């Protein structure tokens, strides 16, 4: 029995080799037209995703810094207002002839229960 190589070749290619081969050829041609290989395209997408993530983290950190700065500014303004109020009260006491006494130490004000 003589083997017909052409029939075997057609059967092998027709069994799934042609579909896969055509798909691969089409993808290679499309990548060649883009001028980018598949690995380079994937790497570029990864780099873009990493950049976007880093920019989002940076924006979040900057927002946190702005919030902390605003909170510190509010605390400073509140402290200054209380100092001005205390100075005004001390002035009123002195103008009435009463000596207001010494300022409290910071240790006395840290823990009000002692």
PDB file of N, CA and C in Angstrom:
ATOM      1  N   UNK A   1       0.840  -1.169   0.000  1.00  0.00           N
ATOM      2  CA  UNK A   1       0.000   0.000   0.000  1.00  0.00           C
ATOM      3  C   UNK A   1       0.885   1.232   0.000  1.00  0.00           C
ATOM      4  N   UNK A   2       0.602   2.088  -0.929  1.00  0.00           N
ATOM      5  CA  UNK A   2       1.421   3.287  -1.075  1.00  0.00           C
ATOM      6  C   UNK A   2       0.752   4.437  -0.340  1.00  0.00           C
ATOM      7  N   UNK A   3       1.547   5.205   0.431  1.00  0.00           N
ATOM      8  CA  UNK A   3       1.040   6.329   1.235  1.00  0.00           C
ATOM      9  C   UNK A   3       0.999   7.579   0.373  1.00  0.00           C
ATOM     10  N   UNK A   4      -0.140   8.235   0.384  1.00  0.00           N
ATOM     11  CA  UNK A   4      -0.300   9.454  -0.388  1.00  0.00           C
ATOM     12  C   UNK A   4       0.017  10.641   0.534  1.00  0.00           C
ATOM     13  N   UNK A   5       1.207  11.195   0.377  1.00  0.00           N
ATOM     14  CA  UNK A   5       1.673  12.268   1.273  1.00  0.00           C
ATOM     15  C   UNK A   5       0.835  13.535   1.107  1.00  0.00           C
ATOM     16  N   UNK A   6       0.352  13.790  -0.017  1.00  0.00           N
ATOM     17  CA  UNK A   6      -0.464  14.982  -0.228  1.00  0.00           C
ATOM     18  C   UNK A   6      -1.760  14.871   0.549  1.00  0.00           C
ATOM     19  N   UNK A   7      -2.355  13.708   0.549  1.00  0.00           N
ATOM     20  CA  UNK A   7      -3.594  13.504   1.302  1.00  0.00           C
ATOM     21  C   UNK A   7      -3.332  13.633   2.804  1.00  0.00           C
ATOM     22  N   UNK A   8      -2.214  13.101   3.264  1.00  0.00           N
ATOM     23  CA  UNK A   8      -1.862  13.210   4.688  1.00  0.00           C
ATOM     24  C   UNK A   8      -1.633  14.669   5.054  1.00  0.00           C
ATOM     25  N   UNK A   9      -0.932  15.405   4.229  1.00  0.00           N
ATOM     26  CA  UNK A   9      -0.651  16.814   4.493  1.00  0.00           C
ATOM     27  C   UNK A   9      -1.946  17.627   4.523  1.00  0.00           C
ATOM     28  N   UNK A  10      -2.832  17.384   3.590  1.00  0.00           N
ATOM     29  CA  UNK A  10      -4.109  18.083   3.569  1.00  0.00           C
ATOM     30  C   UNK A  10      -4.931  17.736   4.799  1.00  0.00           C
ATOM     31  N   UNK A  11      -4.911  16.484   5.212  1.00  0.00           N
ATOM     32  CA  UNK A  11      -5.674  16.056   6.398  1.00  0.00           C
ATOM     33  C   UNK A  11      -5.125  16.702   7.666  1.00  0.00           C
ATOM     34  N   UNK A  12      -3.815  16.755   7.788  1.00  0.00           N
ATOM     35  CA  UNK A  12      -3.202  17.358   8.984  1.00  0.00           C
ATOM     36  C   UNK A  12      -3.496  18.845   9.043  1.00  0.00           C
ATOM     37  N   UNK A  13      -3.311  19.530   7.940  1.00  0.00           N
ATOM     38  CA  UNK A  13      -3.572  20.960   7.938  1.00  0.00           C
ATOM     39  C   UNK A  13      -5.059  21.255   8.124  1.00  0.00           C
ATOM     40  N   UNK A  14      -5.897  20.437   7.563  1.00  0.00           N
ATOM     41  CA  UNK A  14      -7.333  20.644   7.679  1.00  0.00           C
ATOM     42  C   UNK A  14      -7.876  20.298   9.054  1.00  0.00           C
ATOM     43  N   UNK A  15      -7.160  19.512   9.827  1.00  0.00           N
ATOM     44  CA  UNK A  15      -7.634  19.068  11.141  1.00  0.00           C
ATOM     45  C   UNK A  15      -7.509  20.160  12.191  1.00  0.00           C
ATOM     46  N   UNK A  16      -7.070  21.300  11.862  1.00  0.00           N
ATOM     47  CA  UNK A  16      -6.961  22.365  12.846  1.00  0.00           C
ATOM     48  C   UNK A  16      -5.714  23.183  12.669  1.00  0.00           C
ATOM     49  N   UNK A  17      -4.803  22.673  11.903  1.00  0.00           N
ATOM     50  CA  UNK A  17      -3.561  23.406  11.690  1.00  0.00           C
ATOM     51  C   UNK A  17      -3.751  24.643  10.845  1.00  0.00           C
ATOM     52  N   UNK A  18      -4.628  24.588   9.867  1.00  0.00           N
ATOM     53  CA  UNK A  18      -4.821  25.740   8.974  1.00  0.00           C
ATOM     54  C   UNK A  18      -5.485  26.887   9.728  1.00  0.00           C
ATOM     55  N   UNK A  19      -6.513  26.583  10.519  1.00  0.00           N
ATOM     56  CA  UNK A  19      -7.197  27.653  11.270  1.00  0.00           C
ATOM     57  C   UNK A  19      -6.242  28.359  12.220  1.00  0.00           C
ATOM     58  N   UNK A  20      -5.449  27.572  12.946  1.00  0.00           N
ATOM     59  CA  UNK A  20      -4.492  28.168  13.886  1.00  0.00           C
ATOM     60  C   UNK A  20      -3.408  28.937  13.138  1.00  0.00           C
ATOM     61  N   UNK A  21      -2.962  28.372  12.028  1.00  0.00           N
ATOM     62  CA  UNK A  21      -1.908  29.029  11.255  1.00  0.00           C
ATOM     63  C   UNK A  21      -2.402  30.348  10.681  1.00  0.00           C
ATOM     64  N   UNK A  22      -3.611  30.362  10.155  1.00  0.00           N
ATOM     65  CA  UNK A  22      -4.148  31.601   9.595  1.00  0.00           C
ATOM     66  C   UNK A  22      -4.335  32.651  10.682  1.00  0.00           C
ATOM     67  N   UNK A  23      -4.820  32.223  11.850  1.00  0.00           N
ATOM     68  CA  UNK A  23      -5.000  33.166  12.963  1.00  0.00           C
ATOM     69  C   UNK A  23      -3.655  33.758  13.395  1.00  0.00           C
ATOM     70  N   UNK A  24      -2.628  32.913  13.493  1.00  0.00           N
ATOM     71  CA  UNK A  24      -1.296  33.400  13.860  1.00  0.00           C
ATOM     72  C   UNK A  24      -0.744  34.350  12.812  1.00  0.00           C
ATOM     73  N   UNK A  25      -0.919  33.997  11.561  1.00  0.00           N
ATOM     74  CA  UNK A  25      -0.427  34.870  10.481  1.00  0.00           C
ATOM     75  C   UNK A  25      -1.136  36.220  10.534  1.00  0.00           C
ATOM     76  N   UNK A  26      -2.441  36.203  10.772  1.00  0.00           N
ATOM     77  CA  UNK A  26      -3.195  37.461  10.848  1.00  0.00           C
ATOM     78  C   UNK A  26      -2.731  38.303  12.028  1.00  0.00           C
ATOM     79  N   UNK A  27      -2.478  37.675  13.178  1.00  0.00           N
ATOM     80  CA  UNK A  27      -2.032  38.460  14.342  1.00  0.00           C
ATOM     81  C   UNK A  27      -0.634  39.017  14.125  1.00  0.00           C
ATOM     82  N   UNK A  28       0.245  38.231  13.489  1.00  0.00           N
ATOM     83  CA  UNK A  28       1.603  38.717  13.204  1.00  0.00           C
ATOM     84  C   UNK A  28       1.545  39.882  12.223  1.00  0.00           C
ATOM     85  N   UNK A  29       0.709  39.778  11.207  1.00  0.00           N
ATOM     86  CA  UNK A  29       0.588  40.860  10.228  1.00  0.00           C
ATOM     87  C   UNK A  29       0.036  42.114  10.898  1.00  0.00           C
ATOM     88  N   UNK A  30      -0.967  41.948  11.758  1.00  0.00           N
ATOM     89  CA  UNK A  30      -1.527  43.128  12.427  1.00  0.00           C
ATOM     90  C   UNK A  30      -0.514  43.771  13.364  1.00  0.00           C
ATOM     91  N   UNK A  31       0.269  42.963  14.084  1.00  0.00           N
ATOM     92  CA  UNK A  31       1.304  43.526  14.960  1.00  0.00           C
ATOM     93  C   UNK A  31       2.407  44.189  14.142  1.00  0.00           C
ATOM     94  N   UNK A  32       2.736  43.605  13.010  1.00  0.00           N
ATOM     95  CA  UNK A  32       3.767  44.199  12.160  1.00  0.00           C
ATOM     96  C   UNK A  32       3.301  45.542  11.619  1.00  0.00           C
ATOM     97  N   UNK A  33       2.019  45.644  11.301  1.00  0.00           N
ATOM     98  CA  UNK A  33       1.481  46.925  10.819  1.00  0.00           C
ATOM     99  C   UNK A  33       1.524  47.988  11.902  1.00  0.00           C
ATOM    100  N   UNK A  34       1.297  47.557  13.163  1.00  0.00           N
ATOM    101  CA  UNK A  34       1.382  48.501  14.278  1.00  0.00           C
ATOM    102  C   UNK A  34       2.826  48.871  14.592  1.00  0.00           C
ATOM    103  N   UNK A  35       3.739  47.998  14.233  1.00  0.00           N
ATOM    104  CA  UNK A  35       5.140  48.255  14.511  1.00  0.00           C
ATOM    105  C   UNK A  35       5.527  47.855  15.924  1.00  0.00           C
ATOM    106  N   UNK A  36       4.728  47.031  16.541  1.00  0.00           N
ATOM    107  CA  UNK A  36       4.982  46.649  17.928  1.00  0.00           C
ATOM    108  C   UNK A  36       4.806  45.143  18.040  1.00  0.00           C
ATOM    109  N   UNK A  37       5.689  44.532  18.771  1.00  0.00           N
ATOM    110  CA  UNK A  37       5.487  43.105  19.019  1.00  0.00           C
ATOM    111  C   UNK A  37       4.495  42.937  20.164  1.00  0.00           C
ATOM    112  N   UNK A  38       3.985  41.744  20.315  1.00  0.00           N
ATOM    113  CA  UNK A  38       2.997  41.487  21.359  1.00  0.00           C
ATOM    114  C   UNK A  38       3.527  41.761  22.753  1.00  0.00           C
ATOM    115  N   UNK A  39       4.761  41.366  23.022  1.00  0.00           N
ATOM    116  CA  UNK A  39       5.350  41.582  24.354  1.00  0.00           C
ATOM    117  C   UNK A  39       5.542  43.073  24.624  1.00  0.00           C
ATOM    118  N   UNK A  40       5.980  43.807  23.609  1.00  0.00           N
ATOM    119  CA  UNK A  40       6.165  45.248  23.794  1.00  0.00           C
ATOM    120  C   UNK A  40       4.845  45.950  24.053  1.00  0.00           C
ATOM    121  N   UNK A  41       3.808  45.519  23.359  1.00  0.00           N
ATOM    122  CA  UNK A  41       2.479  46.112  23.556  1.00  0.00           C
ATOM    123  C   UNK A  41       1.996  45.862  24.983  1.00  0.00           C
ATOM    124  N   UNK A  42       2.154  44.642  25.472  1.00  0.00           N
ATOM    125  CA  UNK A  42       1.743  44.308  26.838  1.00  0.00           C
ATOM    126  C   UNK A  42       2.575  45.106  27.850  1.00  0.00           C
ATOM    127  N   UNK A  43       3.859  45.218  27.623  1.00  0.00           N
ATOM    128  CA  UNK A  43       4.734  45.964  28.535  1.00  0.00           C
ATOM    129  C   UNK A  43       4.334  47.438  28.573  1.00  0.00           C
ATOM    130  N   UNK A  44       3.994  47.985  27.400  1.00  0.00           N
ATOM    131  CA  UNK A  44       3.562  49.387  27.359  1.00  0.00           C
ATOM    132  C   UNK A  44       2.285  49.578  28.169  1.00  0.00           C
ATOM    133  N   UNK A  45       1.354  48.654  28.045  1.00  0.00           N
ATOM    134  CA  UNK A  45       0.115  48.742  28.826  1.00  0.00           C
ATOM    135  C   UNK A  45       0.390  48.632  30.325  1.00  0.00           C
ATOM    136  N   UNK A  46       1.337  47.760  30.702  1.00  0.00           N
ATOM    137  CA  UNK A  46       1.708  47.631  32.118  1.00  0.00           C
ATOM    138  C   UNK A  46       2.327  48.919  32.650  1.00  0.00           C
ATOM    139  N   UNK A  47       3.185  49.523  31.855  1.00  0.00           N
ATOM    140  CA  UNK A  47       3.829  50.770  32.277  1.00  0.00           C
ATOM    141  C   UNK A  47       2.793  51.877  32.446  1.00  0.00           C
ATOM    142  N   UNK A  48       1.844  51.946  31.524  1.00  0.00           N
ATOM    143  CA  UNK A  48       0.793  52.965  31.620  1.00  0.00           C
ATOM    144  C   UNK A  48      -0.049  52.740  32.869  1.00  0.00           C
ATOM    145  N   UNK A  49      -0.382  51.475  33.164  1.00  0.00           N
ATOM    146  CA  UNK A  49      -1.171  51.168  34.365  1.00  0.00           C
ATOM    147  C   UNK A  49      -0.394  51.524  35.627  1.00  0.00           C
ATOM    148  N   UNK A  50       0.897  51.233  35.656  1.00  0.00           N
ATOM    149  CA  UNK A  50       1.726  51.586  36.812  1.00  0.00           C
ATOM    150  C   UNK A  50       1.799  53.096  36.981  1.00  0.00           C
ATOM    151  N   UNK A  51       1.941  53.816  35.879  1.00  0.00           N
ATOM    152  CA  UNK A  51       1.991  55.280  35.947  1.00  0.00           C
ATOM    153  C   UNK A  51       0.683  55.847  36.496  1.00  0.00           C
ATOM    154  N   UNK A  52      -0.435  55.341  35.985  1.00  0.00           N
ATOM    155  CA  UNK A  52      -1.728  55.818  36.460  1.00  0.00           C
ATOM    156  C   UNK A  52      -1.916  55.535  37.949  1.00  0.00           C
ATOM    157  N   UNK A  53      -1.473  54.357  38.379  1.00  0.00           N
ATOM    158  CA  UNK A  53      -1.582  54.012  39.804  1.00  0.00           C
ATOM    159  C   UNK A  53      -0.709  54.932  40.654  1.00  0.00           C
ATOM    160  N   UNK A  54       0.508  55.200  40.198  1.00  0.00           N
ATOM    161  CA  UNK A  54       1.405  56.089  40.935  1.00  0.00           C
ATOM    162  C   UNK A  54       0.837  57.507  41.004  1.00  0.00           C
ATOM    163  N   UNK A  55       0.241  57.975  39.909  1.00  0.00           N
ATOM    164  CA  UNK A  55      -0.365  59.312  39.915  1.00  0.00           C
ATOM    165  C   UNK A  55      -1.554  59.375  40.864  1.00  0.00           C
ATOM    166  N   UNK A  56      -2.328  58.299  40.927  1.00  0.00           N
ATOM    167  CA  UNK A  56      -3.461  58.265  41.858  1.00  0.00           C
ATOM    168  C   UNK A  56      -2.973  58.281  43.301  1.00  0.00           C
ATOM    169  N   UNK A  57      -1.907  57.520  43.598  1.00  0.00           N
ATOM    170  CA  UNK A  57      -1.347  57.523  44.955  1.00  0.00           C
ATOM    171  C   UNK A  57      -0.795  58.904  45.309  1.00  0.00           C
ATOM    172  N   UNK A  58      -0.140  59.552  44.357  1.00  0.00           N
ATOM    173  CA  UNK A  58       0.405  60.875  44.599  1.00  0.00           C
ATOM    174  C   UNK A  58      -0.705  61.884  44.869  1.00  0.00           C
ATOM    175  N   UNK A  59      -1.779  61.818  44.098  1.00  0.00           N
ATOM    176  CA  UNK A  59      -2.905  62.734  44.300  1.00  0.00           C
ATOM    177  C   UNK A  59      -3.546  62.500  45.661  1.00  0.00           C
ATOM    178  N   UNK A  60      -3.653  61.230  46.056  1.00  0.00           N
ATOM    179  CA  UNK A  60      -4.223  60.917  47.372  1.00  0.00           C
ATOM    180  C   UNK A  60      -3.336  61.454  48.493  1.00  0.00           C
ATOM    181  N   UNK A  61      -2.021  61.302  48.350  1.00  0.00           N
ATOM    182  CA  UNK A  61      -1.098  61.807  49.362  1.00  0.00           C
ATOM    183  C   UNK A  61      -1.159  63.333  49.441  1.00  0.00           C
ATOM    184  N   UNK A  62      -1.237  63.992  48.296  1.00  0.00           N
ATOM    185  CA  UNK A  62      -1.324  65.451  48.293  1.00  0.00           C
ATOM    186  C   UNK A  62      -2.627  65.926  48.928  1.00  0.00           C
ATOM    187  N   UNK A  63      -3.712  65.205  48.690  1.00  0.00           N
ATOM    188  CA  UNK A  63      -4.987  65.566  49.319  1.00  0.00           C
ATOM    189  C   UNK A  63      -4.895  65.396  50.837  1.00  0.00           C
ATOM    190  N   UNK A  64      -4.224  64.339  51.285  1.00  0.00           N
ATOM    191  CA  UNK A  64      -4.027  64.141  52.720  1.00  0.00           C
ATOM    192  C   UNK A  64      -3.180  65.250  53.330  1.00  0.00           C
ATOM    193  N   UNK A  65      -2.151  65.673  52.614  1.00  0.00           N
ATOM    194  CA  UNK A  65      -1.304  66.766  53.100  1.00  0.00           C
ATOM    195  C   UNK A  65      -2.097  68.071  53.180  1.00  0.00           C
ATOM    196  N   UNK A  66      -2.925  68.326  52.158  1.00  0.00           N
ATOM    197  CA  UNK A  66      -3.730  69.550  52.186  1.00  0.00           C
ATOM    198  C   UNK A  66      -4.717  69.520  53.358  1.00  0.00           C
ATOM    199  N   UNK A  67      -5.304  68.361  53.624  1.00  0.00           N
ATOM    200  CA  UNK A  67      -6.243  68.248  54.747  1.00  0.00           C
ATOM    201  C   UNK A  67      -5.518  68.455  56.073  1.00  0.00           C
ATOM    202  N   UNK A  68      -4.318  67.901  56.204  1.00  0.00           N
ATOM    203  CA  UNK A  68      -3.545  68.080  57.436  1.00  0.00           C
ATOM    204  C   UNK A  68      -3.141  69.543  57.612  1.00  0.00           C
ATOM    205  N   UNK A  69      -2.752  70.185  56.515  1.00  0.00           N
ATOM    206  CA  UNK A  69      -2.401  71.609  56.598  1.00  0.00           C
ATOM    207  C   UNK A  69      -3.610  72.450  56.997  1.00  0.00           C
ATOM    208  N   UNK A  70      -4.767  72.150  56.438  1.00  0.00           N
ATOM    209  CA  UNK A  70      -5.981  72.904  56.778  1.00  0.00           C
ATOM    210  C   UNK A  70      -6.346  72.699  58.247  1.00  0.00           C
ATOM    211  N   UNK A  71      -6.205  71.450  58.736  1.00  0.00           N
ATOM    212  CA  UNK A  71      -6.494  71.163  60.142  1.00  0.00           C
ATOM    213  C   UNK A  71      -5.521  71.916  61.053  1.00  0.00           C
ATOM    214  N   UNK A  72      -4.247  71.939  60.691  1.00  0.00           N
ATOM    215  CA  UNK A  72      -3.257  72.665  61.489  1.00  0.00           C
ATOM    216  C   UNK A  72      -3.552  74.168  61.487  1.00  0.00           C
ATOM    217  N   UNK A  73      -3.968  74.690  60.341  1.00  0.00           N
ATOM    218  CA  UNK A  73      -4.315  76.116  60.268  1.00  0.00           C
ATOM    219  C   UNK A  73      -5.514  76.438  61.163  1.00  0.00           C
ATOM    220  N   UNK A  74      -6.523  75.558  61.153  1.00  0.00           N
ATOM    221  CA  UNK A  74      -7.691  75.783  62.019  1.00  0.00           C
ATOM    222  C   UNK A  74      -7.307  75.729  63.494  1.00  0.00           C
ATOM    223  N   UNK A  75      -6.460  74.770  63.865  1.00  0.00           N
ATOM    224  CA  UNK A  75      -6.016  74.682  65.263  1.00  0.00           C
ATOM    225  C   UNK A  75      -5.215  75.914  65.666  1.00  0.00           C
ATOM    226  N   UNK A  76      -4.342  76.389  64.755  1.00  0.00           N
ATOM    227  CA  UNK A  76      -3.563  77.596  65.052  1.00  0.00           C
ATOM    228  C   UNK A  76      -4.479  78.798  65.230  1.00  0.00           C
ATOM    229  N   UNK A  77      -5.449  78.956  64.329  1.00  0.00           N
ATOM    230  CA  UNK A  77      -6.380  80.081  64.426  1.00  0.00           C
ATOM    231  C   UNK A  77      -7.181  80.015  65.729  1.00  0.00           C
ATOM    232  N   UNK A  78      -7.614  78.795  66.098  1.00  0.00           N
ATOM    233  CA  UNK A  78      -8.370  78.632  67.342  1.00  0.00           C
ATOM    234  C   UNK A  78      -7.498  78.971  68.562  1.00  0.00           C
ATOM    235  N   UNK A  79      -6.240  78.520  68.552  1.00  0.00           N
ATOM    236  CA  UNK A  79      -5.326  78.804  69.658  1.00  0.00           C
ATOM    237  C   UNK A  79      -5.074  80.307  69.784  1.00  0.00           C
ATOM    238  N   UNK A  80      -4.869  80.978  68.651  1.00  0.00           N
ATOM    239  CA  UNK A  80      -4.636  82.423  68.666  1.00  0.00           C
ATOM    240  C   UNK A  80      -5.867  83.154  69.198  1.00  0.00           C
ATOM    241  N   UNK A  81      -7.049  82.698  68.775  1.00  0.00           N
ATOM    242  CA  UNK A  81      -8.289  83.337  69.258  1.00  0.00           C
ATOM    243  C   UNK A  81      -8.417  83.187  70.768  1.00  0.00           C
ATOM    244  N   UNK A  82      -8.116  81.991  71.294  1.00  0.00           N
ATOM    245  CA  UNK A  82      -8.188  81.794  72.752  1.00  0.00           C
ATOM    246  C   UNK A  82      -7.144  82.641  73.485  1.00  0.00           C
ATOM    247  N   UNK A  83      -5.952  82.763  72.902  1.00  0.00           N
ATOM    248  CA  UNK A  83      -4.928  83.596  73.528  1.00  0.00           C
ATOM    249  C   UNK A  83      -5.368  85.058  73.561  1.00  0.00           C
ATOM    250  N   UNK A  84      -5.946  85.523  72.476  1.00  0.00           N
ATOM    251  CA  UNK A  84      -6.435  86.907  72.447  1.00  0.00           C
ATOM    252  C   UNK A  84      -7.564  87.108  73.454  1.00  0.00           C
ATOM    253  N   UNK A  85      -8.454  86.138  73.563  1.00  0.00           N
ATOM    254  CA  UNK A  85      -9.549  86.229  74.526  1.00  0.00           C
ATOM    255  C   UNK A  85      -9.010  86.253  75.959  1.00  0.00           C
ATOM    256  N   UNK A  86      -8.034  85.391  76.235  1.00  0.00           N
ATOM    257  CA  UNK A  86      -7.445  85.366  77.575  1.00  0.00           C
ATOM    258  C   UNK A  86      -6.735  86.686  77.869  1.00  0.00           C
ATOM    259  N   UNK A  87      -6.035  87.242  76.893  1.00  0.00           N
ATOM    260  CA  UNK A  87      -5.355  88.516  77.093  1.00  0.00           C
ATOM    261  C   UNK A  87      -6.369  89.622  77.356  1.00  0.00           C
ATOM    262  N   UNK A  88      -7.486  89.599  76.649  1.00  0.00           N
ATOM    263  CA  UNK A  88      -8.539  90.593  76.856  1.00  0.00           C
ATOM    264  C   UNK A  88      -9.126  90.486  78.272  1.00  0.00           C
ATOM    265  N   UNK A  89      -9.364  89.240  78.713  1.00  0.00           N
ATOM    266  CA  UNK A  89      -9.899  89.053  80.074  1.00  0.00           C
ATOM    267  C   UNK A  89      -8.895  89.522  81.127  1.00  0.00           C
ATOM    268  N   UNK A  90      -7.611  89.225  80.927  1.00  0.00           N
ATOM    269  CA  UNK A  90      -6.582  89.674  81.876  1.00  0.00           C
ATOM    270  C   UNK A  90      -6.541  91.211  81.915  1.00  0.00           C
ATOM    271  N   UNK A  91      -6.671  91.834  80.732  1.00  0.00           N
ATOM    272  CA  UNK A  91      -6.680  93.297  80.682  1.00  0.00           C
ATOM    273  C   UNK A  91      -7.871  93.852  81.463  1.00  0.00           C
ATOM    274  N   UNK A  92      -9.042  93.233  81.285  1.00  0.00           N
ATOM    275  CA  UNK A  92     -10.225  93.700  82.015  1.00  0.00           C
ATOM    276  C   UNK A  92     -10.033  93.549  83.530  1.00  0.00           C
ATOM    277  N   UNK A  93      -9.471  92.443  83.955  1.00  0.00           N
ATOM    278  CA  UNK A  93      -9.226  92.247  85.389  1.00  0.00           C
ATOM    279  C   UNK A  93      -8.263  93.316  85.911  1.00  0.00           C
ATOM    280  N   UNK A  94      -7.199  93.580  85.178  1.00  0.00           N
ATOM    281  CA  UNK A  94      -6.230  94.587  85.630  1.00  0.00           C
ATOM    282  C   UNK A  94      -6.862  95.974  85.659  1.00  0.00           C
ATOM    283  N   UNK A  95      -7.716  96.279  84.679  1.00  0.00           N
ATOM    284  CA  UNK A  95      -8.336  97.600  84.669  1.00  0.00           C
ATOM    285  C   UNK A  95      -9.325  97.756  85.833  1.00  0.00           C
ATOM    286  N   UNK A  96      -9.824  96.642  86.372  1.00  0.00           N
ATOM    287  CA  UNK A  96     -10.714  96.691  87.545  1.00  0.00           C
ATOM    288  C   UNK A  96      -9.933  96.623  88.856  1.00  0.00           C
ATOM    289  N   UNK A  97      -8.610  96.510  88.763  1.00  0.00           N
ATOM    290  CA  UNK A  97      -7.789  96.495  89.965  1.00  0.00           C
ATOM    291  C   UNK A  97      -7.521  95.104  90.521  1.00  0.00           C
ATOM    292  N   UNK A  98      -7.820  94.079  89.784  1.00  0.00           N
ATOM    293  CA  UNK A  98      -7.602  92.700  90.251  1.00  0.00           C
ATOM    294  C   UNK A  98      -6.391  92.140  89.521  1.00  0.00           C
ATOM    295  N   UNK A  99      -5.464  91.537  90.296  1.00  0.00           N
ATOM    296  CA  UNK A  99      -4.295  90.898  89.687  1.00  0.00           C
ATOM    297  C   UNK A  99      -4.695  89.472  89.284  1.00  0.00           C
ATOM    298  N   UNK A 100      -4.619  89.134  87.992  1.00  0.00           N
ATOM    299  CA  UNK A 100      -5.123  87.841  87.543  1.00  0.00           C
ATOM    300  C   UNK A 100      -4.314  86.639  88.030  1.00  0.00           C
ATOM    301  N   UNK A 101      -3.103  86.787  88.454  1.00  0.00           N
ATOM    302  CA  UNK A 101      -2.308  85.649  88.924  1.00  0.00           C
ATOM    303  C   UNK A 101      -1.440  85.082  87.808  1.00  0.00           C
ATOM    304  N   UNK A 102      -0.788  83.997  88.156  1.00  0.00           N
ATOM    305  CA  UNK A 102       0.154  83.412  87.197  1.00  0.00           C
ATOM    306  C   UNK A 102      -0.603  82.626  86.117  1.00  0.00           C
ATOM    307  N   UNK A 103       0.075  82.484  84.995  1.00  0.00           N
ATOM    308  CA  UNK A 103      -0.479  81.648  83.919  1.00  0.00           C
ATOM    309  C   UNK A 103      -0.370  80.185  84.333  1.00  0.00           C
ATOM    310  N   UNK A 104      -1.306  79.350  83.926  1.00  0.00           N
ATOM    311  CA  UNK A 104      -1.180  77.928  84.252  1.00  0.00           C
ATOM    312  C   UNK A 104      -0.026  77.302  83.475  1.00  0.00           C
ATOM    313  N   UNK A 105       0.620  76.313  84.071  1.00  0.00           N
ATOM    314  CA  UNK A 105       1.691  75.636  83.355  1.00  0.00           C
ATOM    315  C   UNK A 105       1.078  74.614  82.395  1.00  0.00           C
ATOM    316  N   UNK A 106       1.863  74.244  81.417  1.00  0.00           N
ATOM    317  CA  UNK A 106       1.351  73.316  80.405  1.00  0.00           C
ATOM    318  C   UNK A 106       1.021  71.962  81.023  1.00  0.00           C
ATOM    319  N   UNK A 107       1.772  71.557  82.045  1.00  0.00           N
ATOM    320  CA  UNK A 107       1.512  70.276  82.683  1.00  0.00           C
ATOM    321  C   UNK A 107       0.138  70.275  83.359  1.00  0.00           C
ATOM    322  N   UNK A 108      -0.296  71.439  83.891  1.00  0.00           N
ATOM    323  CA  UNK A 108      -1.611  71.523  84.535  1.00  0.00           C
ATOM    324  C   UNK A 108      -2.737  71.401  83.515  1.00  0.00           C
ATOM    325  N   UNK A 109      -2.499  71.801  82.299  1.00  0.00           N
ATOM    326  CA  UNK A 109      -3.553  71.789  81.299  1.00  0.00           C
ATOM    327  C   UNK A 109      -3.608  70.497  80.487  1.00  0.00           C
ATOM    328  N   UNK A 110      -2.555  69.663  80.544  1.00  0.00           N
ATOM    329  CA  UNK A 110      -2.546  68.433  79.752  1.00  0.00           C
ATOM    330  C   UNK A 110      -3.514  67.400  80.276  1.00  0.00           C
ATOM    331  N   UNK A 111      -3.589  67.236  81.591  1.00  0.00           N
ATOM    332  CA  UNK A 111      -4.469  66.236  82.196  1.00  0.00           C
ATOM    333  C   UNK A 111      -5.388  66.940  83.171  1.00  0.00           C
ATOM    334  N   UNK A 112      -6.630  67.212  82.814  1.00  0.00           N
ATOM    335  CA  UNK A 112      -7.522  67.979  83.670  1.00  0.00           C
ATOM    336  C   UNK A 112      -7.951  67.224  84.928  1.00  0.00           C
ATOM    337  N   UNK A 113      -7.730  65.912  84.989  1.00  0.00           N
ATOM    338  CA  UNK A 113      -8.157  65.124  86.146  1.00  0.00           C
ATOM    339  C   UNK A 113      -7.172  65.221  87.312  1.00  0.00           C
ATOM    340  N   UNK A 114      -5.944  65.719  87.075  1.00  0.00           N
ATOM    341  CA  UNK A 114      -4.981  65.795  88.166  1.00  0.00           C
ATOM    342  C   UNK A 114      -5.063  67.113  88.882  1.00  0.00           C
TER     343      UNK A 114
END
